């Protein structure tokens, strides 16, 4: 979905063209951060573009189509780095589609269904990121505790320094809060479906990456130079947490959506039983 020339946080901005030509579609556009496309086992790309750019419903302008990676006109420009990290061997490259022709039968669900497909996939994807990041934060907390009892500074263990204890306690509280919100969202997804749980999913997506980044940052601080080195998982985990504040929809989009819905309800939040 993501394109370098437009604000892709608004999926209706997509400029990639998918044009019908007889029994084929011809695709022209540029994408980047194409998840998994560098993996040698990846043979099919799912491309989102506009089949009906003038459709009055902006959410019916887009379609998704299957494109074999070996199709003439598909050109991988480069593998994108995130804070100078790659995701080898899977990668997420920038790809140019230059008059790429594929059979019309490759369209998914039919023309105008791209936005619908994307929304159906993004909800579960967002909560999976939250689950992973809670795991990253929990692991960072455990490393903090281990480091605190194994290192001495200014004549006493780090574990006896008041600021270290505060960082550990705050991290524990924040992880517990984020975990319960994520469980609440997952419970509603299981019982009522993804659409009914969209506000809780958005709330978790707002809260969890920022929480994980804070906790991991504290762990890095306690580890000193080791925290920013390759000797722990912390530096890479921090990059992941920071990136996910943008990936699968930036914080601002989710905040706007949740705020709009709460205003519509007069401030009444989502009610659900505890999981």
C-alpha atoms as a PDB file:
ATOM      1  CA  UNK A   1       0.000   0.000   0.000  1.00  0.00           C
ATOM      2  CA  UNK A   2       2.664   2.521   1.043  1.00  0.00           C
ATOM      3  CA  UNK A   3       3.978   4.964  -1.563  1.00  0.00           C
ATOM      4  CA  UNK A   4       6.905   7.405  -1.236  1.00  0.00           C
ATOM      5  CA  UNK A   5       5.252  10.314  -3.040  1.00  0.00           C
ATOM      6  CA  UNK A   6       2.049  10.639  -0.992  1.00  0.00           C
ATOM      7  CA  UNK A   7       0.918  10.604   2.643  1.00  0.00           C
ATOM      8  CA  UNK A   8       0.035   6.925   2.775  1.00  0.00           C
ATOM      9  CA  UNK A   9      -1.519   7.233   6.234  1.00  0.00           C
ATOM     10  CA  UNK A  10      -4.569   8.232   4.140  1.00  0.00           C
ATOM     11  CA  UNK A  11      -4.997   5.178   1.929  1.00  0.00           C
ATOM     12  CA  UNK A  12      -7.239   7.107  -0.455  1.00  0.00           C
ATOM     13  CA  UNK A  13      -4.126   9.070  -1.519  1.00  0.00           C
ATOM     14  CA  UNK A  14      -2.706   6.063  -3.347  1.00  0.00           C
ATOM     15  CA  UNK A  15      -1.540   6.995  -6.843  1.00  0.00           C
ATOM     16  CA  UNK A  16      -0.562   3.595  -8.271  1.00  0.00           C
ATOM     17  CA  UNK A  17      -2.671   2.975 -11.376  1.00  0.00           C
ATOM     18  CA  UNK A  18      -4.345  -0.352 -12.170  1.00  0.00           C
ATOM     19  CA  UNK A  19      -5.919   0.057 -15.608  1.00  0.00           C
ATOM     20  CA  UNK A  20      -8.075  -2.500 -17.406  1.00  0.00           C
ATOM     21  CA  UNK A  21      -6.884  -3.370 -20.912  1.00  0.00           C
ATOM     22  CA  UNK A  22      -8.906  -6.144 -22.498  1.00  0.00           C
ATOM     23  CA  UNK A  23      -8.440  -9.339 -20.524  1.00  0.00           C
ATOM     24  CA  UNK A  24      -5.550  -7.836 -18.542  1.00  0.00           C
ATOM     25  CA  UNK A  25      -4.726  -5.091 -16.087  1.00  0.00           C
ATOM     26  CA  UNK A  26      -1.733  -2.812 -16.596  1.00  0.00           C
ATOM     27  CA  UNK A  27      -0.070  -1.481 -13.429  1.00  0.00           C
ATOM     28  CA  UNK A  28       2.064   1.640 -13.118  1.00  0.00           C
ATOM     29  CA  UNK A  29       3.338   3.012  -9.820  1.00  0.00           C
ATOM     30  CA  UNK A  30       5.957   2.986  -7.100  1.00  0.00           C
ATOM     31  CA  UNK A  31       5.677   1.342  -3.675  1.00  0.00           C
ATOM     32  CA  UNK A  32       8.016   1.016  -0.738  1.00  0.00           C
ATOM     33  CA  UNK A  33       8.135  -0.908   2.551  1.00  0.00           C
ATOM     34  CA  UNK A  34       6.633  -3.891   0.695  1.00  0.00           C
ATOM     35  CA  UNK A  35       6.579  -6.417   3.531  1.00  0.00           C
ATOM     36  CA  UNK A  36       8.479  -9.651   2.909  1.00  0.00           C
ATOM     37  CA  UNK A  37       9.186  -8.991  -0.755  1.00  0.00           C
ATOM     38  CA  UNK A  38      12.944  -9.611  -0.447  1.00  0.00           C
ATOM     39  CA  UNK A  39      12.374 -13.135   0.817  1.00  0.00           C
ATOM     40  CA  UNK A  40      13.607 -15.613  -1.780  1.00  0.00           C
ATOM     41  CA  UNK A  41      10.437 -17.654  -1.231  1.00  0.00           C
ATOM     42  CA  UNK A  42       8.203 -14.688  -2.111  1.00  0.00           C
ATOM     43  CA  UNK A  43       6.777 -15.188  -5.595  1.00  0.00           C
ATOM     44  CA  UNK A  44       3.543 -13.155  -5.456  1.00  0.00           C
ATOM     45  CA  UNK A  45       3.070  -9.465  -4.638  1.00  0.00           C
ATOM     46  CA  UNK A  46      -0.281  -8.006  -3.546  1.00  0.00           C
ATOM     47  CA  UNK A  47      -0.518  -4.513  -5.022  1.00  0.00           C
ATOM     48  CA  UNK A  48      -3.091  -1.880  -4.087  1.00  0.00           C
ATOM     49  CA  UNK A  49      -3.852   0.802  -6.638  1.00  0.00           C
ATOM     50  CA  UNK A  50      -6.638   2.791  -8.224  1.00  0.00           C
ATOM     51  CA  UNK A  51      -8.920   1.195 -10.785  1.00  0.00           C
ATOM     52  CA  UNK A  52     -11.571   3.947 -10.576  1.00  0.00           C
ATOM     53  CA  UNK A  53      -9.842   7.230  -9.618  1.00  0.00           C
ATOM     54  CA  UNK A  54     -12.985   9.257 -10.385  1.00  0.00           C
ATOM     55  CA  UNK A  55     -15.417   7.148  -8.361  1.00  0.00           C
ATOM     56  CA  UNK A  56     -17.466   9.476  -6.110  1.00  0.00           C
ATOM     57  CA  UNK A  57     -16.865   7.167  -3.134  1.00  0.00           C
ATOM     58  CA  UNK A  58     -13.160   7.595  -2.358  1.00  0.00           C
ATOM     59  CA  UNK A  59     -13.137   4.224  -0.611  1.00  0.00           C
ATOM     60  CA  UNK A  60     -14.269   2.443  -3.796  1.00  0.00           C
ATOM     61  CA  UNK A  61     -11.503   3.822  -5.996  1.00  0.00           C
ATOM     62  CA  UNK A  62      -8.895   1.252  -4.966  1.00  0.00           C
ATOM     63  CA  UNK A  63      -8.441  -2.407  -5.820  1.00  0.00           C
ATOM     64  CA  UNK A  64      -5.959  -5.120  -4.925  1.00  0.00           C
ATOM     65  CA  UNK A  65      -4.345  -7.377  -7.480  1.00  0.00           C
ATOM     66  CA  UNK A  66      -1.908 -10.293  -7.476  1.00  0.00           C
ATOM     67  CA  UNK A  67       1.354  -9.694  -9.327  1.00  0.00           C
ATOM     68  CA  UNK A  68       3.927 -12.479  -9.774  1.00  0.00           C
ATOM     69  CA  UNK A  69       7.276 -10.990  -8.756  1.00  0.00           C
ATOM     70  CA  UNK A  70       8.916 -12.248 -11.960  1.00  0.00           C
ATOM     71  CA  UNK A  71       6.470 -10.325 -14.202  1.00  0.00           C
ATOM     72  CA  UNK A  72       8.216  -8.019 -16.722  1.00  0.00           C
ATOM     73  CA  UNK A  73       8.194  -4.426 -15.490  1.00  0.00           C
ATOM     74  CA  UNK A  74       8.491  -5.292 -11.788  1.00  0.00           C
ATOM     75  CA  UNK A  75      11.762  -3.738 -10.604  1.00  0.00           C
ATOM     76  CA  UNK A  76      13.087  -3.909  -7.044  1.00  0.00           C
ATOM     77  CA  UNK A  77      14.907  -0.622  -6.506  1.00  0.00           C
ATOM     78  CA  UNK A  78      16.377  -1.187  -3.035  1.00  0.00           C
ATOM     79  CA  UNK A  79      15.723  -2.815   0.307  1.00  0.00           C
ATOM     80  CA  UNK A  80      14.501  -0.196   2.772  1.00  0.00           C
ATOM     81  CA  UNK A  81      16.299   0.199   6.097  1.00  0.00           C
ATOM     82  CA  UNK A  82      14.652   1.255   9.355  1.00  0.00           C
ATOM     83  CA  UNK A  83      17.046   3.222  11.569  1.00  0.00           C
ATOM     84  CA  UNK A  84      19.751   1.558   9.427  1.00  0.00           C
ATOM     85  CA  UNK A  85      18.482  -1.943  10.263  1.00  0.00           C
ATOM     86  CA  UNK A  86      17.365  -4.274   7.518  1.00  0.00           C
ATOM     87  CA  UNK A  87      14.994  -7.183   7.929  1.00  0.00           C
ATOM     88  CA  UNK A  88      17.085  -9.728   6.060  1.00  0.00           C
ATOM     89  CA  UNK A  89      16.249 -12.181   4.712  1.00  0.00           C
ATOM     90  CA  UNK A  90      12.618 -11.001   4.347  1.00  0.00           C
ATOM     91  CA  UNK A  91      13.101  -7.254   3.770  1.00  0.00           C
ATOM     92  CA  UNK A  92      10.630  -4.569   2.728  1.00  0.00           C
ATOM     93  CA  UNK A  93      11.864  -3.025  -0.533  1.00  0.00           C
ATOM     94  CA  UNK A  94      10.970  -0.136  -2.774  1.00  0.00           C
ATOM     95  CA  UNK A  95       9.449  -1.496  -5.983  1.00  0.00           C
ATOM     96  CA  UNK A  96       8.628   0.162  -9.308  1.00  0.00           C
ATOM     97  CA  UNK A  97       5.798  -1.187 -11.467  1.00  0.00           C
ATOM     98  CA  UNK A  98       6.393  -0.098 -15.067  1.00  0.00           C
ATOM     99  CA  UNK A  99       3.612  -1.185 -17.442  1.00  0.00           C
ATOM    100  CA  UNK A 100       3.234  -4.449 -15.564  1.00  0.00           C
ATOM    101  CA  UNK A 101       0.602  -6.594 -17.265  1.00  0.00           C
ATOM    102  CA  UNK A 102      -1.253  -9.357 -15.404  1.00  0.00           C
ATOM    103  CA  UNK A 103      -4.432 -11.333 -16.191  1.00  0.00           C
ATOM    104  CA  UNK A 104      -7.734  -9.703 -15.214  1.00  0.00           C
ATOM    105  CA  UNK A 105      -8.523 -12.763 -13.071  1.00  0.00           C
ATOM    106  CA  UNK A 106      -5.760 -11.665 -10.669  1.00  0.00           C
ATOM    107  CA  UNK A 107      -7.957  -8.913  -9.214  1.00  0.00           C
ATOM    108  CA  UNK A 108      -8.981  -9.703  -5.620  1.00  0.00           C
ATOM    109  CA  UNK A 109     -12.747  -9.804  -4.906  1.00  0.00           C
ATOM    110  CA  UNK A 110     -13.408  -7.440  -7.824  1.00  0.00           C
ATOM    111  CA  UNK A 111     -12.763  -3.794  -8.609  1.00  0.00           C
ATOM    112  CA  UNK A 112     -13.279  -1.271  -5.841  1.00  0.00           C
ATOM    113  CA  UNK A 113     -12.760  -3.734  -2.972  1.00  0.00           C
ATOM    114  CA  UNK A 114      -9.166  -2.815  -2.082  1.00  0.00           C
ATOM    115  CA  UNK A 115      -9.931  -0.517   0.845  1.00  0.00           C
ATOM    116  CA  UNK A 116     -12.348  -3.076   2.255  1.00  0.00           C
ATOM    117  CA  UNK A 117      -9.715  -5.825   2.045  1.00  0.00           C
ATOM    118  CA  UNK A 118      -7.105  -3.601   3.681  1.00  0.00           C
ATOM    119  CA  UNK A 119      -9.343  -2.752   6.623  1.00  0.00           C
ATOM    120  CA  UNK A 120     -10.182  -6.401   7.168  1.00  0.00           C
ATOM    121  CA  UNK A 121      -6.495  -7.285   7.409  1.00  0.00           C
ATOM    122  CA  UNK A 122      -5.223  -4.281   9.352  1.00  0.00           C
ATOM    123  CA  UNK A 123      -7.270  -4.804  12.522  1.00  0.00           C
ATOM    124  CA  UNK A 124      -5.838  -8.248  13.330  1.00  0.00           C
ATOM    125  CA  UNK A 125      -2.398  -7.071  12.162  1.00  0.00           C
ATOM    126  CA  UNK A 126      -2.446  -4.154  14.595  1.00  0.00           C
ATOM    127  CA  UNK A 127      -3.313  -6.269  17.604  1.00  0.00           C
ATOM    128  CA  UNK A 128      -0.625  -8.797  16.680  1.00  0.00           C
ATOM    129  CA  UNK A 129       1.932  -5.991  16.766  1.00  0.00           C
ATOM    130  CA  UNK A 130       0.611  -5.014  20.196  1.00  0.00           C
ATOM    131  CA  UNK A 131       1.030  -8.571  21.442  1.00  0.00           C
ATOM    132  CA  UNK A 132       4.611  -8.744  20.174  1.00  0.00           C
ATOM    133  CA  UNK A 133       5.492  -5.389  21.669  1.00  0.00           C
ATOM    134  CA  UNK A 134       4.110  -6.369  25.058  1.00  0.00           C
ATOM    135  CA  UNK A 135       6.432  -9.364  24.873  1.00  0.00           C
ATOM    136  CA  UNK A 136       9.351  -7.083  23.949  1.00  0.00           C
ATOM    137  CA  UNK A 137       8.567  -4.783  26.878  1.00  0.00           C
ATOM    138  CA  UNK A 138       8.288  -7.712  29.299  1.00  0.00           C
ATOM    139  CA  UNK A 139      11.629  -9.058  28.138  1.00  0.00           C
ATOM    140  CA  UNK A 140      13.191  -5.586  28.533  1.00  0.00           C
ATOM    141  CA  UNK A 141      11.816  -5.395  32.089  1.00  0.00           C
ATOM    142  CA  UNK A 142      13.350  -8.752  32.956  1.00  0.00           C
ATOM    143  CA  UNK A 143      16.706  -7.636  31.569  1.00  0.00           C
ATOM    144  CA  UNK A 144      16.439  -4.423  33.607  1.00  0.00           C
ATOM    145  CA  UNK A 145      15.993  -6.416  36.806  1.00  0.00           C
ATOM    146  CA  UNK A 146      18.882  -8.741  35.976  1.00  0.00           C
ATOM    147  CA  UNK A 147      21.152  -5.813  35.179  1.00  0.00           C
ATOM    148  CA  UNK A 148      20.152  -3.938  38.316  1.00  0.00           C
ATOM    149  CA  UNK A 149      21.288  -6.730  40.631  1.00  0.00           C
ATOM    150  CA  UNK A 150      24.472  -7.564  38.686  1.00  0.00           C
ATOM    151  CA  UNK A 151      26.046  -4.096  38.416  1.00  0.00           C
ATOM    152  CA  UNK A 152      27.426  -1.774  41.059  1.00  0.00           C
ATOM    153  CA  UNK A 153      27.837   2.003  40.751  1.00  0.00           C
ATOM    154  CA  UNK A 154      28.808   4.604  43.353  1.00  0.00           C
ATOM    155  CA  UNK A 155      29.362   1.962  45.987  1.00  0.00           C
ATOM    156  CA  UNK A 156      26.096   0.041  45.771  1.00  0.00           C
ATOM    157  CA  UNK A 157      24.153  -2.163  43.341  1.00  0.00           C
ATOM    158  CA  UNK A 158      22.005  -0.405  40.742  1.00  0.00           C
ATOM    159  CA  UNK A 159      19.063  -2.207  42.336  1.00  0.00           C
ATOM    160  CA  UNK A 160      19.489  -0.023  45.417  1.00  0.00           C
ATOM    161  CA  UNK A 161      19.415   3.229  43.425  1.00  0.00           C
ATOM    162  CA  UNK A 162      16.057   4.948  43.839  1.00  0.00           C
ATOM    163  CA  UNK A 163      15.728   6.039  40.201  1.00  0.00           C
ATOM    164  CA  UNK A 164      16.375   2.488  38.977  1.00  0.00           C
ATOM    165  CA  UNK A 165      13.675   1.099  41.242  1.00  0.00           C
ATOM    166  CA  UNK A 166      11.263   3.761  39.969  1.00  0.00           C
ATOM    167  CA  UNK A 167      12.016   2.874  36.344  1.00  0.00           C
ATOM    168  CA  UNK A 168      11.402  -0.802  37.035  1.00  0.00           C
ATOM    169  CA  UNK A 169       8.174  -0.153  38.939  1.00  0.00           C
ATOM    170  CA  UNK A 170       6.818   2.270  36.337  1.00  0.00           C
ATOM    171  CA  UNK A 171       7.636  -0.215  33.587  1.00  0.00           C
ATOM    172  CA  UNK A 172       5.781  -3.004  35.380  1.00  0.00           C
ATOM    173  CA  UNK A 173       2.683  -0.800  35.830  1.00  0.00           C
ATOM    174  CA  UNK A 174       2.668   0.385  32.221  1.00  0.00           C
ATOM    175  CA  UNK A 175       3.087  -3.129  30.812  1.00  0.00           C
ATOM    176  CA  UNK A 176       0.200  -4.401  32.962  1.00  0.00           C
ATOM    177  CA  UNK A 177      -2.085  -1.588  31.812  1.00  0.00           C
ATOM    178  CA  UNK A 178      -1.236  -2.108  28.128  1.00  0.00           C
ATOM    179  CA  UNK A 179      -1.621  -5.884  28.432  1.00  0.00           C
ATOM    180  CA  UNK A 180      -5.124  -5.562  29.894  1.00  0.00           C
ATOM    181  CA  UNK A 181      -6.203  -3.152  27.134  1.00  0.00           C
ATOM    182  CA  UNK A 182      -4.894  -5.555  24.488  1.00  0.00           C
ATOM    183  CA  UNK A 183      -6.654  -8.500  26.127  1.00  0.00           C
ATOM    184  CA  UNK A 184      -9.870  -6.494  26.226  1.00  0.00           C
ATOM    185  CA  UNK A 185      -9.584  -5.754  22.507  1.00  0.00           C
ATOM    186  CA  UNK A 186      -8.782  -9.384  21.683  1.00  0.00           C
ATOM    187  CA  UNK A 187     -11.707 -10.605  23.789  1.00  0.00           C
ATOM    188  CA  UNK A 188     -14.128  -8.354  21.934  1.00  0.00           C
ATOM    189  CA  UNK A 189     -12.693  -9.465  18.589  1.00  0.00           C
ATOM    190  CA  UNK A 190     -13.304 -13.094  19.554  1.00  0.00           C
ATOM    191  CA  UNK A 191     -16.843 -12.494  20.808  1.00  0.00           C
ATOM    192  CA  UNK A 192     -18.171  -9.808  18.438  1.00  0.00           C
ATOM    193  CA  UNK A 193     -15.786  -9.601  15.488  1.00  0.00           C
ATOM    194  CA  UNK A 194     -13.093  -7.224  14.303  1.00  0.00           C
ATOM    195  CA  UNK A 195     -15.417  -4.420  13.258  1.00  0.00           C
ATOM    196  CA  UNK A 196     -17.113  -4.221  16.650  1.00  0.00           C
ATOM    197  CA  UNK A 197     -13.710  -4.096  18.338  1.00  0.00           C
ATOM    198  CA  UNK A 198     -12.152  -1.468  16.067  1.00  0.00           C
ATOM    199  CA  UNK A 199     -12.082   1.273  18.730  1.00  0.00           C
ATOM    200  CA  UNK A 200     -10.404  -0.986  21.282  1.00  0.00           C
ATOM    201  CA  UNK A 201      -7.930  -2.166  18.633  1.00  0.00           C
ATOM    202  CA  UNK A 202      -7.133   1.461  17.793  1.00  0.00           C
ATOM    203  CA  UNK A 203      -6.752   2.306  21.482  1.00  0.00           C
ATOM    204  CA  UNK A 204      -4.309  -0.569  21.959  1.00  0.00           C
ATOM    205  CA  UNK A 205      -2.389   0.474  18.848  1.00  0.00           C
ATOM    206  CA  UNK A 206      -2.074   3.999  20.320  1.00  0.00           C
ATOM    207  CA  UNK A 207      -0.987   2.860  23.776  1.00  0.00           C
ATOM    208  CA  UNK A 208       1.205  -0.207  23.329  1.00  0.00           C
ATOM    209  CA  UNK A 209       3.989   0.957  20.966  1.00  0.00           C
ATOM    210  CA  UNK A 210       4.607   4.115  23.019  1.00  0.00           C
ATOM    211  CA  UNK A 211       4.618   2.066  26.210  1.00  0.00           C
ATOM    212  CA  UNK A 212       7.076  -0.432  24.756  1.00  0.00           C
ATOM    213  CA  UNK A 213       9.371   2.335  23.537  1.00  0.00           C
ATOM    214  CA  UNK A 214       9.432   3.905  27.017  1.00  0.00           C
ATOM    215  CA  UNK A 215      10.141   0.616  28.780  1.00  0.00           C
ATOM    216  CA  UNK A 216      12.842  -0.408  26.310  1.00  0.00           C
ATOM    217  CA  UNK A 217      14.392   3.052  26.572  1.00  0.00           C
ATOM    218  CA  UNK A 218      14.646   2.648  30.357  1.00  0.00           C
ATOM    219  CA  UNK A 219      16.261  -0.751  29.891  1.00  0.00           C
ATOM    220  CA  UNK A 220      18.769   0.743  27.456  1.00  0.00           C
ATOM    221  CA  UNK A 221      19.607   3.451  29.988  1.00  0.00           C
ATOM    222  CA  UNK A 222      20.226   0.950  32.771  1.00  0.00           C
ATOM    223  CA  UNK A 223      22.450  -1.126  30.473  1.00  0.00           C
ATOM    224  CA  UNK A 224      24.554   1.893  29.514  1.00  0.00           C
ATOM    225  CA  UNK A 225      26.742   1.361  26.447  1.00  0.00           C
ATOM    226  CA  UNK A 226      25.669  -2.280  26.217  1.00  0.00           C
ATOM    227  CA  UNK A 227      22.084  -1.139  25.713  1.00  0.00           C
ATOM    228  CA  UNK A 228      22.848   0.488  22.377  1.00  0.00           C
ATOM    229  CA  UNK A 229      25.185  -2.293  21.218  1.00  0.00           C
ATOM    230  CA  UNK A 230      24.524  -5.518  19.365  1.00  0.00           C
ATOM    231  CA  UNK A 231      25.039  -7.507  22.584  1.00  0.00           C
ATOM    232  CA  UNK A 232      21.370  -7.252  23.632  1.00  0.00           C
ATOM    233  CA  UNK A 233      18.099  -7.214  21.744  1.00  0.00           C
ATOM    234  CA  UNK A 234      17.242  -3.768  23.145  1.00  0.00           C
ATOM    235  CA  UNK A 235      18.409  -1.492  20.319  1.00  0.00           C
ATOM    236  CA  UNK A 236      16.564  -3.461  17.665  1.00  0.00           C
ATOM    237  CA  UNK A 237      13.472  -3.784  19.866  1.00  0.00           C
ATOM    238  CA  UNK A 238      13.427  -0.014  20.355  1.00  0.00           C
ATOM    239  CA  UNK A 239      13.515   0.486  16.579  1.00  0.00           C
ATOM    240  CA  UNK A 240      10.583  -1.917  16.221  1.00  0.00           C
ATOM    241  CA  UNK A 241       8.530  -0.112  18.879  1.00  0.00           C
ATOM    242  CA  UNK A 242       9.233   3.291  17.360  1.00  0.00           C
ATOM    243  CA  UNK A 243       8.482   2.131  13.837  1.00  0.00           C
ATOM    244  CA  UNK A 244       5.127   0.644  14.819  1.00  0.00           C
ATOM    245  CA  UNK A 245       3.951   4.093  15.909  1.00  0.00           C
ATOM    246  CA  UNK A 246       3.848   4.653  12.119  1.00  0.00           C
ATOM    247  CA  UNK A 247       3.346   1.166  10.669  1.00  0.00           C
ATOM    248  CA  UNK A 248      -0.236  -0.066  10.206  1.00  0.00           C
ATOM    249  CA  UNK A 249      -1.475   3.492  10.705  1.00  0.00           C
ATOM    250  CA  UNK A 250       0.219   6.313  12.632  1.00  0.00           C
ATOM    251  CA  UNK A 251      -0.845   7.320  16.130  1.00  0.00           C
ATOM    252  CA  UNK A 252      -2.570  10.457  14.841  1.00  0.00           C
ATOM    253  CA  UNK A 253      -4.941   8.515  12.580  1.00  0.00           C
ATOM    254  CA  UNK A 254      -6.018   6.228  15.416  1.00  0.00           C
ATOM    255  CA  UNK A 255      -6.368   9.110  17.879  1.00  0.00           C
ATOM    256  CA  UNK A 256      -8.568  10.982  15.414  1.00  0.00           C
ATOM    257  CA  UNK A 257     -10.753   7.936  14.784  1.00  0.00           C
ATOM    258  CA  UNK A 258     -11.217   7.102  18.462  1.00  0.00           C
ATOM    259  CA  UNK A 259     -11.868  10.746  19.356  1.00  0.00           C
ATOM    260  CA  UNK A 260     -14.459  11.107  16.596  1.00  0.00           C
ATOM    261  CA  UNK A 261     -16.296   7.985  17.724  1.00  0.00           C
ATOM    262  CA  UNK A 262     -16.264   9.021  21.391  1.00  0.00           C
ATOM    263  CA  UNK A 263     -17.683  12.437  20.500  1.00  0.00           C
ATOM    264  CA  UNK A 264     -20.436  10.715  18.521  1.00  0.00           C
ATOM    265  CA  UNK A 265     -21.293   8.659  21.614  1.00  0.00           C
ATOM    266  CA  UNK A 266     -21.209  11.649  23.891  1.00  0.00           C
ATOM    267  CA  UNK A 267     -18.044  10.460  25.598  1.00  0.00           C
ATOM    268  CA  UNK A 268     -19.347   7.025  26.532  1.00  0.00           C
ATOM    269  CA  UNK A 269     -16.591   4.472  26.131  1.00  0.00           C
ATOM    270  CA  UNK A 270     -16.717   0.912  24.923  1.00  0.00           C
ATOM    271  CA  UNK A 271     -18.348  -1.453  27.393  1.00  0.00           C
ATOM    272  CA  UNK A 272     -17.235  -5.048  27.484  1.00  0.00           C
ATOM    273  CA  UNK A 273     -16.857  -7.737  30.089  1.00  0.00           C
ATOM    274  CA  UNK A 274     -13.404  -8.370  31.468  1.00  0.00           C
ATOM    275  CA  UNK A 275     -11.579 -11.167  29.593  1.00  0.00           C
END
